[in-house]
Amino acid sequence: MKNILDIIKSDKNNNKQETLASKIAALSKNLQDPVKSTQYVKKFCSDIEANERLYGLMAAVARGNISCSETEHIVKQILKMLGNPVQT
């Protein structure tokens, strides 16, 4: 996820979307339903790209230099920002 955050933060260029798509595909391969996971991760990445606060919260979690209680608090904030999960 840290690599994906780095790609999102980088300047817009032609290779950014291709690189992001390949990282998302690699991440989604390890999840339960790769096709649906790819769609959800793409949506999540677009949300991160559009919302600077969400990006900052995810970056804080990805760095890993915060306590478990801080991580829990940040994850709760992220979930509130994203809203209710999609029922499939």
N, C-alpha and C. Protein backbone atom coordinates (compact mmCIF):
# COMPACT_ATOMS: atom_id res chain seq x y z
N MET A 1 0.83 -1.19 0.00
CA MET A 1 0.00 0.00 0.00
C MET A 1 0.87 1.25 0.00
N LYS A 2 2.02 1.16 0.64
CA LYS A 2 2.91 2.33 0.67
C LYS A 2 3.35 2.71 -0.74
N ASN A 3 3.64 1.73 -1.58
CA ASN A 3 4.02 2.01 -2.96
C ASN A 3 2.89 2.70 -3.71
N ILE A 4 1.67 2.26 -3.47
CA ILE A 4 0.51 2.87 -4.12
C ILE A 4 0.36 4.31 -3.67
N LEU A 5 0.55 4.58 -2.40
CA LEU A 5 0.46 5.95 -1.89
C LEU A 5 1.54 6.83 -2.52
N ASP A 6 2.74 6.28 -2.69
CA ASP A 6 3.82 7.05 -3.33
C ASP A 6 3.47 7.39 -4.78
N ILE A 7 2.87 6.45 -5.48
CA ILE A 7 2.47 6.69 -6.87
C ILE A 7 1.38 7.74 -6.93
N ILE A 8 0.41 7.66 -6.03
CA ILE A 8 -0.69 8.64 -6.00
C ILE A 8 -0.14 10.04 -5.75
N LYS A 9 0.84 10.16 -4.87
CA LYS A 9 1.38 11.47 -4.51
C LYS A 9 2.27 12.05 -5.62
N SER A 10 2.82 11.19 -6.48
CA SER A 10 3.72 11.68 -7.52
C SER A 10 2.98 12.58 -8.50
N ASP A 11 3.74 13.39 -9.22
CA ASP A 11 3.14 14.28 -10.21
C ASP A 11 2.44 13.46 -11.28
N LYS A 12 1.46 14.09 -11.88
CA LYS A 12 0.71 13.39 -12.93
C LYS A 12 1.62 13.23 -14.15
N ASN A 13 1.69 12.01 -14.64
CA ASN A 13 2.43 11.74 -15.87
C ASN A 13 1.78 10.57 -16.58
N ASN A 14 2.25 10.26 -17.75
CA ASN A 14 1.64 9.21 -18.57
C ASN A 14 1.76 7.84 -17.92
N ASN A 15 2.85 7.57 -17.27
CA ASN A 15 3.07 6.25 -16.69
C ASN A 15 2.40 6.07 -15.34
N LYS A 16 1.91 7.14 -14.75
CA LYS A 16 1.33 7.05 -13.41
C LYS A 16 0.15 6.09 -13.38
N GLN A 17 -0.78 6.24 -14.30
CA GLN A 17 -1.96 5.37 -14.30
C GLN A 17 -1.60 3.92 -14.59
N GLU A 18 -0.64 3.70 -15.49
CA GLU A 18 -0.21 2.33 -15.80
C GLU A 18 0.47 1.69 -14.59
N THR A 19 1.34 2.46 -13.95
CA THR A 19 2.04 1.95 -12.77
C THR A 19 1.07 1.67 -11.64
N LEU A 20 0.13 2.59 -11.44
CA LEU A 20 -0.88 2.41 -10.39
C LEU A 20 -1.73 1.17 -10.67
N ALA A 21 -2.12 0.98 -11.93
CA ALA A 21 -2.93 -0.19 -12.29
C ALA A 21 -2.17 -1.49 -12.03
N SER A 22 -0.88 -1.51 -12.32
CA SER A 22 -0.11 -2.74 -12.09
C SER A 22 0.05 -3.02 -10.59
N LYS A 23 0.24 -1.97 -9.79
CA LYS A 23 0.35 -2.15 -8.33
C LYS A 23 -0.97 -2.62 -7.73
N ILE A 24 -2.08 -2.06 -8.22
CA ILE A 24 -3.40 -2.47 -7.75
C ILE A 24 -3.66 -3.93 -8.11
N ALA A 25 -3.29 -4.33 -9.33
CA ALA A 25 -3.47 -5.72 -9.75
C ALA A 25 -2.65 -6.67 -8.87
N ALA A 26 -1.43 -6.28 -8.57
CA ALA A 26 -0.57 -7.12 -7.72
C ALA A 26 -1.15 -7.24 -6.32
N LEU A 27 -1.66 -6.15 -5.78
CA LEU A 27 -2.28 -6.18 -4.45
C LEU A 27 -3.55 -7.03 -4.46
N SER A 28 -4.37 -6.86 -5.48
CA SER A 28 -5.66 -7.55 -5.55
C SER A 28 -5.51 -9.06 -5.74
N LYS A 29 -4.40 -9.49 -6.35
CA LYS A 29 -4.16 -10.92 -6.53
C LYS A 29 -4.14 -11.66 -5.21
N ASN A 30 -3.74 -10.98 -4.16
CA ASN A 30 -3.61 -11.61 -2.84
C ASN A 30 -4.88 -11.53 -2.01
N LEU A 31 -5.92 -10.95 -2.55
CA LEU A 31 -7.18 -10.83 -1.82
C LEU A 31 -8.16 -11.90 -2.28
N GLN A 32 -9.26 -12.04 -1.56
CA GLN A 32 -10.17 -13.17 -1.76
C GLN A 32 -10.75 -13.24 -3.17
N ASP A 33 -11.34 -12.17 -3.66
CA ASP A 33 -11.93 -12.14 -5.00
C ASP A 33 -11.20 -11.08 -5.81
N PRO A 34 -10.18 -11.48 -6.58
CA PRO A 34 -9.32 -10.50 -7.26
C PRO A 34 -10.05 -9.51 -8.16
N VAL A 35 -11.11 -9.93 -8.84
CA VAL A 35 -11.80 -9.03 -9.76
C VAL A 35 -12.52 -7.93 -8.98
N LYS A 36 -13.31 -8.31 -7.99
CA LYS A 36 -14.01 -7.31 -7.17
C LYS A 36 -13.01 -6.49 -6.37
N SER A 37 -11.98 -7.13 -5.87
CA SER A 37 -10.97 -6.43 -5.09
C SER A 37 -10.30 -5.34 -5.92
N THR A 38 -10.03 -5.62 -7.17
CA THR A 38 -9.43 -4.62 -8.05
C THR A 38 -10.33 -3.41 -8.17
N GLN A 39 -11.62 -3.64 -8.35
CA GLN A 39 -12.57 -2.52 -8.47
C GLN A 39 -12.60 -1.70 -7.18
N TYR A 40 -12.65 -2.37 -6.04
CA TYR A 40 -12.71 -1.67 -4.76
C TYR A 40 -11.42 -0.89 -4.47
N VAL A 41 -10.29 -1.49 -4.78
CA VAL A 41 -9.02 -0.82 -4.53
C VAL A 41 -8.87 0.38 -5.47
N LYS A 42 -9.31 0.25 -6.73
CA LYS A 42 -9.28 1.40 -7.65
C LYS A 42 -10.13 2.54 -7.12
N LYS A 43 -11.31 2.22 -6.62
CA LYS A 43 -12.20 3.24 -6.05
C LYS A 43 -11.54 3.88 -4.83
N PHE A 44 -10.95 3.06 -3.99
CA PHE A 44 -10.28 3.56 -2.79
C PHE A 44 -9.12 4.49 -3.17
N CYS A 45 -8.36 4.11 -4.19
CA CYS A 45 -7.25 4.94 -4.64
C CYS A 45 -7.74 6.27 -5.20
N SER A 46 -8.85 6.25 -5.93
CA SER A 46 -9.39 7.51 -6.44
C SER A 46 -9.89 8.39 -5.30
N ASP A 47 -10.45 7.77 -4.26
CA ASP A 47 -10.86 8.53 -3.07
C ASP A 47 -9.64 9.15 -2.38
N ILE A 48 -8.58 8.38 -2.27
CA ILE A 48 -7.35 8.89 -1.64
C ILE A 48 -6.78 10.05 -2.45
N GLU A 49 -6.80 9.90 -3.77
CA GLU A 49 -6.25 10.94 -4.64
C GLU A 49 -7.07 12.23 -4.55
N ALA A 50 -8.36 12.10 -4.37
CA ALA A 50 -9.25 13.27 -4.33
C ALA A 50 -9.28 13.95 -2.96
N ASN A 51 -8.93 13.22 -1.91
CA ASN A 51 -9.07 13.74 -0.55
C ASN A 51 -7.70 13.76 0.14
N GLU A 52 -7.15 14.94 0.30
CA GLU A 52 -5.81 15.09 0.90
C GLU A 52 -5.77 14.58 2.35
N ARG A 53 -6.85 14.77 3.09
CA ARG A 53 -6.89 14.30 4.48
C ARG A 53 -6.85 12.78 4.53
N LEU A 54 -7.60 12.14 3.65
CA LEU A 54 -7.60 10.68 3.58
C LEU A 54 -6.20 10.18 3.22
N TYR A 55 -5.56 10.87 2.28
CA TYR A 55 -4.19 10.50 1.92
C TYR A 55 -3.26 10.59 3.14
N GLY A 56 -3.37 11.67 3.89
CA GLY A 56 -2.53 11.86 5.06
C GLY A 56 -2.74 10.78 6.11
N LEU A 57 -4.00 10.40 6.32
CA LEU A 57 -4.29 9.35 7.30
C LEU A 57 -3.72 8.00 6.84
N MET A 58 -3.90 7.68 5.57
CA MET A 58 -3.37 6.41 5.05
C MET A 58 -1.85 6.40 5.09
N ALA A 59 -1.24 7.53 4.79
CA ALA A 59 0.22 7.61 4.84
C ALA A 59 0.73 7.40 6.26
N ALA A 60 0.01 7.94 7.24
CA ALA A 60 0.41 7.75 8.64
C ALA A 60 0.35 6.28 9.03
N VAL A 61 -0.67 5.58 8.60
CA VAL A 61 -0.79 4.15 8.90
C VAL A 61 0.29 3.36 8.16
N ALA A 62 0.54 3.71 6.91
CA ALA A 62 1.52 2.98 6.10
C ALA A 62 2.95 3.15 6.62
N ARG A 63 3.25 4.31 7.18
CA ARG A 63 4.60 4.54 7.72
C ARG A 63 4.90 3.56 8.85
N GLY A 64 3.90 3.27 9.67
CA GLY A 64 4.07 2.27 10.72
C GLY A 64 4.82 2.73 11.95
N ASN A 65 5.03 4.02 12.10
CA ASN A 65 5.78 4.50 13.26
C ASN A 65 4.86 5.09 14.33
N ILE A 66 3.60 4.64 14.35
CA ILE A 66 2.64 5.11 15.35
C ILE A 66 2.18 3.93 16.19
N SER A 67 1.62 4.22 17.34
CA SER A 67 1.19 3.16 18.25
C SER A 67 -0.08 2.48 17.73
N CYS A 68 -0.39 1.34 18.32
CA CYS A 68 -1.59 0.59 17.94
C CYS A 68 -2.85 1.41 18.20
N SER A 69 -2.89 2.11 19.31
CA SER A 69 -4.09 2.89 19.63
C SER A 69 -4.26 4.05 18.64
N GLU A 70 -3.15 4.67 18.24
CA GLU A 70 -3.23 5.74 17.23
C GLU A 70 -3.69 5.17 15.89
N THR A 71 -3.18 4.00 15.54
CA THR A 71 -3.58 3.35 14.30
C THR A 71 -5.07 3.04 14.33
N GLU A 72 -5.55 2.52 15.45
CA GLU A 72 -6.97 2.21 15.59
C GLU A 72 -7.81 3.47 15.41
N HIS A 73 -7.40 4.56 16.02
CA HIS A 73 -8.13 5.83 15.91
C HIS A 73 -8.14 6.32 14.46
N ILE A 74 -7.01 6.23 13.78
CA ILE A 74 -6.92 6.67 12.39
C ILE A 74 -7.79 5.81 11.49
N VAL A 75 -7.76 4.50 11.69
CA VAL A 75 -8.58 3.60 10.87
C VAL A 75 -10.06 3.91 11.06
N LYS A 76 -10.47 4.21 12.29
CA LYS A 76 -11.87 4.59 12.52
C LYS A 76 -12.22 5.86 11.77
N GLN A 77 -11.30 6.83 11.73
CA GLN A 77 -11.53 8.06 10.98
C GLN A 77 -11.66 7.77 9.49
N ILE A 78 -10.80 6.90 8.98
CA ILE A 78 -10.84 6.54 7.56
C ILE A 78 -12.17 5.89 7.23
N LEU A 79 -12.62 4.96 8.07
CA LEU A 79 -13.89 4.28 7.82
C LEU A 79 -15.06 5.26 7.85
N LYS A 80 -15.03 6.23 8.75
CA LYS A 80 -16.08 7.25 8.78
C LYS A 80 -16.08 8.07 7.49
N MET A 81 -14.90 8.39 6.99
CA MET A 81 -14.79 9.18 5.77
C MET A 81 -15.33 8.42 4.56
N LEU A 82 -15.12 7.11 4.55
CA LEU A 82 -15.52 6.30 3.40
C LEU A 82 -17.00 5.96 3.42
N GLY A 83 -17.63 6.01 4.58
CA GLY A 83 -19.05 5.70 4.68
C GLY A 83 -19.29 4.22 4.86
N ASN A 84 -20.55 3.84 4.71
CA ASN A 84 -20.95 2.45 4.90
C ASN A 84 -20.37 1.56 3.81
N PRO A 85 -20.01 0.32 4.16
CA PRO A 85 -19.47 -0.59 3.15
C PRO A 85 -20.55 -1.03 2.16
N VAL A 86 -20.10 -1.39 0.97
CA VAL A 86 -21.01 -1.87 -0.06
C VAL A 86 -21.34 -3.32 0.25
N GLN A 87 -22.61 -3.66 0.28
CA GLN A 87 -23.04 -5.03 0.52
C GLN A 87 -23.09 -5.78 -0.81
N THR A 88 -22.34 -6.87 -0.91
CA THR A 88 -22.33 -7.64 -2.16
C THR A 88 -22.83 -9.03 -1.92
